[in-house]
């Protein structure tokens, strides 16, 4: 299973702090960030947090990231017609 989140994390340092925090609490999951350009306000400009693993508690992860003062939402699957 892979879950993709959008966040307002802008810097490498900030992403490393979040990655370290998540890896301590979710050591069995594969976690990484893609930092994007921030020319527009969140959510239009955002960074991508990908989490891969057998069981991903998206609600708890979003709450934990938000408790660190970071905006975070699950990226919704959308089918364009």
N, C-alpha and C. Protein backbone atom coordinates (compact mmCIF):
# COMPACT_ATOMS: atom_id res chain seq x y z
N UNK A 1 0.84 -1.17 0.00
CA UNK A 1 0.00 0.00 0.00
C UNK A 1 0.89 1.24 0.00
N UNK A 2 0.48 2.25 -0.76
CA UNK A 2 1.18 3.53 -0.78
C UNK A 2 0.17 4.63 -0.51
N UNK A 3 0.51 5.52 0.40
CA UNK A 3 -0.30 6.70 0.68
C UNK A 3 0.52 7.92 0.33
N UNK A 4 -0.13 8.91 -0.27
CA UNK A 4 0.54 10.14 -0.65
C UNK A 4 -0.15 11.30 0.06
N UNK A 5 0.66 12.15 0.68
CA UNK A 5 0.17 13.29 1.44
C UNK A 5 0.74 14.57 0.82
N UNK A 6 -0.01 15.67 0.91
CA UNK A 6 0.54 16.98 0.57
C UNK A 6 0.81 17.72 1.87
N UNK A 7 1.92 18.44 1.91
CA UNK A 7 2.30 19.19 3.11
C UNK A 7 2.82 20.56 2.70
N UNK A 8 3.02 21.41 3.69
CA UNK A 8 3.62 22.71 3.44
C UNK A 8 5.09 22.74 3.87
N UNK A 9 5.73 21.59 3.96
CA UNK A 9 7.15 21.51 4.29
C UNK A 9 7.93 22.11 3.12
N UNK A 10 8.77 23.11 3.41
CA UNK A 10 9.48 23.84 2.35
C UNK A 10 10.97 23.56 2.31
N UNK A 11 11.55 23.13 3.41
CA UNK A 11 13.01 23.01 3.45
C UNK A 11 13.46 21.57 3.68
N UNK A 12 14.67 21.32 3.26
CA UNK A 12 15.29 20.01 3.47
C UNK A 12 15.42 19.72 4.97
N UNK A 13 15.79 20.72 5.74
CA UNK A 13 15.94 20.56 7.19
C UNK A 13 14.61 20.17 7.84
N UNK A 14 13.56 20.86 7.46
CA UNK A 14 12.24 20.57 8.01
C UNK A 14 11.78 19.16 7.59
N UNK A 15 12.04 18.79 6.35
CA UNK A 15 11.64 17.45 5.89
C UNK A 15 12.41 16.36 6.64
N UNK A 16 13.69 16.60 6.92
CA UNK A 16 14.49 15.62 7.67
C UNK A 16 13.95 15.45 9.08
N UNK A 17 13.52 16.54 9.72
CA UNK A 17 12.94 16.45 11.07
C UNK A 17 11.68 15.59 11.06
N UNK A 18 10.80 15.82 10.07
CA UNK A 18 9.56 15.05 9.98
C UNK A 18 9.87 13.59 9.65
N UNK A 19 10.79 13.35 8.71
CA UNK A 19 11.16 11.97 8.36
C UNK A 19 11.70 11.23 9.58
N UNK A 20 12.58 11.87 10.33
CA UNK A 20 13.15 11.23 11.52
C UNK A 20 12.05 10.91 12.54
N UNK A 21 11.15 11.86 12.76
CA UNK A 21 10.03 11.65 13.69
C UNK A 21 9.17 10.47 13.24
N UNK A 22 8.82 10.42 11.96
CA UNK A 22 7.96 9.35 11.45
C UNK A 22 8.67 7.99 11.48
N UNK A 23 9.96 7.97 11.15
CA UNK A 23 10.69 6.70 11.12
C UNK A 23 10.85 6.10 12.51
N UNK A 24 10.89 6.95 13.54
CA UNK A 24 10.95 6.44 14.91
C UNK A 24 9.63 5.75 15.26
N UNK A 25 8.52 6.36 14.87
CA UNK A 25 7.20 5.83 15.20
C UNK A 25 6.70 4.76 14.24
N UNK A 26 7.24 4.75 13.03
CA UNK A 26 6.77 3.81 11.99
C UNK A 26 7.98 3.19 11.29
N UNK A 27 8.76 2.45 12.04
CA UNK A 27 10.03 1.93 11.53
C UNK A 27 9.87 0.92 10.39
N UNK A 28 8.71 0.32 10.23
CA UNK A 28 8.51 -0.67 9.18
C UNK A 28 8.07 -0.05 7.85
N UNK A 29 7.80 1.25 7.86
CA UNK A 29 7.31 1.91 6.66
C UNK A 29 8.45 2.58 5.90
N UNK A 30 8.33 2.64 4.58
CA UNK A 30 9.26 3.37 3.73
C UNK A 30 8.67 4.76 3.54
N UNK A 31 9.44 5.80 3.92
CA UNK A 31 8.92 7.17 3.95
C UNK A 31 9.90 8.09 3.23
N UNK A 32 9.37 8.97 2.35
CA UNK A 32 10.23 9.96 1.71
C UNK A 32 9.44 11.21 1.33
N UNK A 33 10.18 12.30 1.11
CA UNK A 33 9.62 13.59 0.73
C UNK A 33 10.09 13.96 -0.67
N UNK A 34 9.23 14.64 -1.40
CA UNK A 34 9.59 15.37 -2.62
C UNK A 34 9.25 16.82 -2.35
N UNK A 35 10.25 17.66 -2.30
CA UNK A 35 10.01 19.08 -2.07
C UNK A 35 9.72 19.75 -3.41
N UNK A 36 8.71 20.59 -3.44
CA UNK A 36 8.27 21.27 -4.66
C UNK A 36 8.56 22.76 -4.57
N UNK A 37 8.34 23.47 -5.67
CA UNK A 37 8.44 24.93 -5.66
C UNK A 37 7.25 25.50 -4.91
N UNK A 38 7.47 26.61 -4.23
CA UNK A 38 6.41 27.24 -3.44
C UNK A 38 6.10 28.63 -3.95
N UNK A 39 5.59 28.70 -5.19
CA UNK A 39 5.23 29.99 -5.77
C UNK A 39 3.82 30.41 -5.42
N UNK A 40 3.01 29.49 -4.94
CA UNK A 40 1.62 29.76 -4.57
C UNK A 40 1.39 29.25 -3.15
N UNK A 41 0.33 29.72 -2.49
CA UNK A 41 0.03 29.23 -1.14
C UNK A 41 -0.45 27.77 -1.14
N UNK A 42 -0.27 27.12 -0.01
CA UNK A 42 -0.77 25.76 0.19
C UNK A 42 -2.28 25.75 -0.02
N UNK A 43 -2.90 24.80 -0.63
CA UNK A 43 -2.37 23.53 -1.11
C UNK A 43 -1.88 23.54 -2.55
N UNK A 44 -2.01 24.66 -3.26
CA UNK A 44 -1.57 24.68 -4.67
C UNK A 44 -0.07 24.42 -4.78
N UNK A 45 0.71 25.05 -3.95
CA UNK A 45 2.14 24.74 -3.86
C UNK A 45 2.34 23.89 -2.62
N UNK A 46 2.97 22.76 -2.80
CA UNK A 46 3.08 21.83 -1.69
C UNK A 46 4.26 20.89 -1.90
N UNK A 47 4.60 20.17 -0.85
CA UNK A 47 5.56 19.08 -0.96
C UNK A 47 4.79 17.78 -0.84
N UNK A 48 5.39 16.73 -1.35
CA UNK A 48 4.76 15.42 -1.34
C UNK A 48 5.47 14.52 -0.34
N UNK A 49 4.69 13.90 0.52
CA UNK A 49 5.18 12.90 1.47
C UNK A 49 4.59 11.57 1.04
N UNK A 50 5.47 10.61 0.71
CA UNK A 50 5.02 9.27 0.32
C UNK A 50 5.36 8.29 1.43
N UNK A 51 4.38 7.45 1.73
CA UNK A 51 4.58 6.42 2.75
C UNK A 51 4.13 5.09 2.15
N UNK A 52 5.01 4.11 2.25
CA UNK A 52 4.73 2.80 1.68
C UNK A 52 4.88 1.74 2.77
N UNK A 53 3.93 0.80 2.81
CA UNK A 53 4.00 -0.27 3.79
C UNK A 53 2.73 -1.08 3.80
N UNK A 54 2.71 -2.08 4.66
CA UNK A 54 1.56 -2.99 4.73
C UNK A 54 0.33 -2.33 5.33
N UNK A 55 0.51 -1.57 6.41
CA UNK A 55 -0.61 -0.93 7.10
C UNK A 55 -0.22 0.51 7.43
N UNK A 56 -0.99 1.46 6.90
CA UNK A 56 -0.69 2.88 7.10
C UNK A 56 -1.91 3.54 7.72
N UNK A 57 -1.74 4.06 8.92
CA UNK A 57 -2.82 4.74 9.63
C UNK A 57 -2.79 6.22 9.25
N UNK A 58 -3.47 6.56 8.15
CA UNK A 58 -3.40 7.91 7.60
C UNK A 58 -3.92 8.97 8.57
N UNK A 59 -4.97 8.65 9.29
CA UNK A 59 -5.56 9.63 10.21
C UNK A 59 -4.56 9.99 11.31
N UNK A 60 -3.93 8.99 11.90
CA UNK A 60 -2.96 9.24 12.97
C UNK A 60 -1.74 9.97 12.44
N UNK A 61 -1.26 9.59 11.28
CA UNK A 61 -0.09 10.25 10.70
C UNK A 61 -0.38 11.72 10.42
N UNK A 62 -1.53 12.02 9.83
CA UNK A 62 -1.90 13.42 9.57
C UNK A 62 -1.97 14.18 10.88
N UNK A 63 -2.58 13.61 11.91
CA UNK A 63 -2.70 14.28 13.21
C UNK A 63 -1.32 14.54 13.82
N UNK A 64 -0.43 13.57 13.72
CA UNK A 64 0.91 13.72 14.30
C UNK A 64 1.70 14.81 13.57
N UNK A 65 1.60 14.85 12.26
CA UNK A 65 2.31 15.87 11.50
C UNK A 65 1.72 17.24 11.80
N UNK A 66 0.41 17.34 11.86
CA UNK A 66 -0.23 18.61 12.18
C UNK A 66 0.14 19.09 13.59
N UNK A 67 0.36 18.15 14.52
CA UNK A 67 0.75 18.53 15.88
C UNK A 67 2.13 19.18 15.90
N UNK A 68 2.91 19.01 14.85
CA UNK A 68 4.23 19.63 14.71
C UNK A 68 4.13 20.99 14.02
N UNK A 69 2.89 21.45 13.74
CA UNK A 69 2.70 22.74 13.11
C UNK A 69 2.80 22.71 11.59
N UNK A 70 2.72 21.52 11.02
CA UNK A 70 2.82 21.34 9.57
C UNK A 70 1.43 21.08 9.01
N UNK A 71 1.10 21.72 7.89
CA UNK A 71 -0.15 21.41 7.20
C UNK A 71 0.04 20.10 6.47
N UNK A 72 -0.94 19.22 6.57
CA UNK A 72 -0.82 17.90 5.96
C UNK A 72 -2.22 17.35 5.66
N UNK A 73 -2.39 16.86 4.44
CA UNK A 73 -3.64 16.23 4.03
C UNK A 73 -3.31 15.07 3.11
N UNK A 74 -4.20 14.07 3.11
CA UNK A 74 -4.07 12.96 2.17
C UNK A 74 -4.36 13.49 0.78
N UNK A 75 -3.52 13.15 -0.18
CA UNK A 75 -3.75 13.54 -1.56
C UNK A 75 -4.82 12.61 -2.12
N UNK A 76 -5.94 13.19 -2.50
CA UNK A 76 -7.08 12.41 -2.97
C UNK A 76 -6.83 11.89 -4.38
N UNK A 77 -7.24 10.66 -4.62
CA UNK A 77 -7.22 10.10 -5.97
C UNK A 77 -8.34 10.74 -6.77
N UNK A 78 -7.99 11.25 -7.94
CA UNK A 78 -9.00 11.84 -8.81
C UNK A 78 -8.81 11.28 -10.21
N UNK A 79 -9.89 10.91 -10.81
CA UNK A 79 -9.86 10.43 -12.18
C UNK A 79 -10.37 11.54 -13.08
N UNK A 80 -9.55 11.99 -13.99
CA UNK A 80 -9.96 13.05 -14.92
C UNK A 80 -10.67 12.41 -16.10
N UNK A 81 -11.77 13.00 -16.50
CA UNK A 81 -12.55 12.46 -17.59
C UNK A 81 -12.46 13.38 -18.79
